[in-house]
């Protein structure tokens, strides 16, 4: 039974890792696209405002919050 709990926690962490990789891949793609196209100051300002609203940090925070909560639940089941 303990092996199942450990496997669940490892699975949760692996999913969080792949989520992080996907967010990083999207950020890299947008950076490469901007480098190829070049940017005017107006476009840069618009991108800055867009980034404040749709930050990848929010997505990563949600991923790791869910990971922490699920891991804490499984750990509590394991302990009690």
Protein backbone atom coordinates (compact mmCIF):
# COMPACT_ATOMS: atom_id res chain seq x y z
CA UNK A 1 0.00 0.00 0.00
CA UNK A 2 2.86 2.38 0.81
CA UNK A 3 4.30 1.75 -2.63
CA UNK A 4 1.06 3.00 -4.15
CA UNK A 5 1.25 6.26 -2.18
CA UNK A 6 4.84 6.80 -3.22
CA UNK A 7 3.95 6.07 -6.85
CA UNK A 8 1.09 8.60 -6.69
CA UNK A 9 3.38 11.33 -5.32
CA UNK A 10 6.02 10.58 -7.94
CA UNK A 11 3.35 10.68 -10.66
CA UNK A 12 2.10 14.05 -9.43
CA UNK A 13 5.63 15.44 -9.46
CA UNK A 14 6.27 14.11 -12.97
CA UNK A 15 3.07 15.78 -14.20
CA UNK A 16 4.18 19.06 -12.63
CA UNK A 17 7.57 18.68 -14.33
CA UNK A 18 5.96 18.20 -17.75
CA UNK A 19 3.66 21.17 -17.11
CA UNK A 20 6.72 23.28 -16.35
CA UNK A 21 8.38 22.12 -19.55
CA UNK A 22 5.30 23.08 -21.58
CA UNK A 23 5.22 26.57 -20.07
CA UNK A 24 8.94 26.97 -20.75
CA UNK A 25 8.51 25.79 -24.33
CA UNK A 26 5.76 28.36 -24.92
CA UNK A 27 7.92 31.15 -23.48
CA UNK A 28 10.88 30.14 -25.65
CA UNK A 29 8.66 30.01 -28.73
CA UNK A 30 7.39 33.54 -28.12
CA UNK A 31 10.93 34.83 -27.52
CA UNK A 32 12.18 33.27 -30.76
CA UNK A 33 9.22 34.73 -32.65
CA UNK A 34 9.96 38.22 -31.32
CA UNK A 35 13.65 37.91 -32.24
CA UNK A 36 12.78 36.97 -35.82
CA UNK A 37 10.13 39.64 -36.31
CA UNK A 38 11.81 42.46 -34.43
CA UNK A 39 9.82 44.87 -32.32
CA UNK A 40 8.90 48.51 -32.34
CA UNK A 41 8.67 50.39 -29.04
CA UNK A 42 4.86 50.37 -29.31
CA UNK A 43 4.79 46.60 -29.81
CA UNK A 44 7.15 46.17 -26.89
CA UNK A 45 4.87 48.21 -24.65
CA UNK A 46 1.83 46.24 -25.78
CA UNK A 47 3.66 42.95 -25.08
CA UNK A 48 4.60 44.22 -21.63
CA UNK A 49 0.96 44.95 -20.79
CA UNK A 50 -0.11 41.58 -22.16
CA UNK A 51 2.56 39.82 -20.11
CA UNK A 52 1.32 41.45 -16.91
CA UNK A 53 -2.15 40.04 -17.53
CA UNK A 54 -1.17 36.57 -18.78
CA UNK A 55 2.04 35.81 -16.95
CA UNK A 56 3.53 32.32 -17.08
CA UNK A 57 4.33 32.74 -13.39
CA UNK A 58 0.61 32.49 -12.65
CA UNK A 59 0.41 29.21 -14.54
CA UNK A 60 3.48 27.82 -12.80
CA UNK A 61 2.12 28.91 -9.42
CA UNK A 62 -1.12 27.05 -10.09
CA UNK A 63 0.76 23.93 -11.22
CA UNK A 64 2.90 23.86 -8.09
CA UNK A 65 0.05 24.77 -5.76
CA UNK A 66 -1.95 21.80 -7.04
CA UNK A 67 1.15 19.60 -6.75
CA UNK A 68 1.73 20.70 -3.16
CA UNK A 69 -1.89 20.18 -2.14
CA UNK A 70 -2.14 16.72 -3.71
CA UNK A 71 1.20 15.68 -2.24
CA UNK A 72 0.13 16.93 1.20
CA UNK A 73 -3.13 14.96 0.96
CA UNK A 74 -1.34 11.76 -0.04
CA UNK A 75 1.24 12.33 2.71
CA UNK A 76 -1.53 12.83 5.30
CA UNK A 77 -3.17 9.58 4.17
CA UNK A 78 0.20 7.88 4.45
CA UNK A 79 0.81 9.20 7.97
CA UNK A 80 -2.66 8.61 9.36
